[in-house]
Amino acid sequence: CHHVTGECSCPPGWTGHDCKHPCSSGHWGQDCANSCACDGGDGGCDPATGTCSCQPGFTGQHCQ
């Protein structure tokens, strides 16, 4: 946390004043600012890396 403002700088995949809240489904990265881009996925991705969660029959970074 910043020593003057007290604002936390959360690691990728986490958000909130105290960084205890994971990104909501469909979002990832620093401050959960990125949207998952998963064509054949279940709509979710890894909250830290953005790697898609693929449905059976789909593979690759964007589940194509």
Protein backbone atom coordinates (compact mmCIF):
# COMPACT_ATOMS: atom_id res chain seq x y z
CA CYS A 1 0.00 0.00 0.00
CA HIS A 2 1.08 3.57 -0.67
CA HIS A 3 2.64 5.03 2.47
CA VAL A 4 0.83 8.40 2.16
CA THR A 5 -2.57 7.63 0.59
CA GLY A 6 -3.01 4.12 2.00
CA GLU A 7 -4.25 3.00 -1.42
CA CYS A 8 -3.24 -0.55 -2.25
CA SER A 9 -1.60 -1.55 -5.51
CA CYS A 10 -3.12 -4.97 -6.06
CA PRO A 11 -1.38 -7.81 -7.91
CA PRO A 12 -2.98 -8.97 -11.18
CA GLY A 13 -6.23 -10.83 -10.54
CA TRP A 14 -7.16 -8.96 -7.36
CA THR A 15 -9.05 -5.76 -6.58
CA GLY A 16 -10.60 -3.81 -3.73
CA HIS A 17 -9.30 -1.49 -1.04
CA ASP A 18 -7.43 -4.32 0.68
CA CYS A 19 -6.81 -6.47 -2.45
CA LYS A 20 -8.87 -9.33 -1.01
CA HIS A 21 -11.42 -9.53 -3.84
CA PRO A 22 -10.67 -11.62 -6.94
CA CYS A 23 -11.62 -10.24 -10.35
CA SER A 24 -15.22 -10.90 -11.31
CA SER A 25 -15.88 -13.49 -14.01
CA GLY A 26 -14.89 -12.23 -17.44
CA HIS A 27 -12.17 -9.85 -16.19
CA TRP A 28 -8.47 -10.18 -15.46
CA GLY A 29 -5.19 -8.34 -14.89
CA GLN A 30 -4.08 -5.31 -12.91
CA ASP A 31 -7.16 -3.72 -11.30
CA CYS A 32 -9.24 -6.28 -13.25
CA ALA A 33 -9.20 -3.81 -16.15
CA ASN A 34 -9.01 -6.37 -18.99
CA SER A 35 -11.88 -8.39 -20.43
CA CYS A 36 -11.50 -12.08 -21.23
CA ALA A 37 -11.32 -12.75 -25.00
CA CYS A 38 -12.42 -16.37 -25.18
CA ASP A 39 -14.34 -17.42 -28.30
CA GLY A 40 -15.05 -21.06 -27.40
CA GLY A 41 -14.67 -20.65 -23.68
CA ASP A 42 -17.05 -20.64 -20.79
CA GLY A 43 -16.78 -16.84 -20.54
CA GLY A 44 -14.10 -16.98 -17.90
CA CYS A 45 -10.35 -16.78 -17.85
CA ASP A 46 -7.51 -16.86 -15.37
CA PRO A 47 -7.84 -13.68 -13.28
CA ALA A 48 -4.07 -13.10 -13.24
CA THR A 49 -2.98 -14.10 -16.77
CA GLY A 50 -6.13 -13.89 -18.94
CA THR A 51 -5.67 -17.48 -20.14
CA CYS A 52 -9.07 -18.74 -21.31
CA SER A 53 -10.98 -21.61 -19.73
CA CYS A 54 -11.89 -23.63 -22.84
CA GLN A 55 -14.98 -25.75 -23.36
CA PRO A 56 -14.40 -29.35 -24.54
CA GLY A 57 -13.36 -29.34 -28.20
CA PHE A 58 -11.75 -25.89 -28.09
CA THR A 59 -8.07 -25.16 -27.55
CA GLY A 60 -5.56 -22.34 -27.68
CA GLN A 61 -5.21 -18.95 -26.10
CA HIS A 62 -8.67 -17.80 -27.23
CA CYS A 63 -10.40 -21.23 -27.31
CA GLN A 64 -10.84 -21.37 -31.06
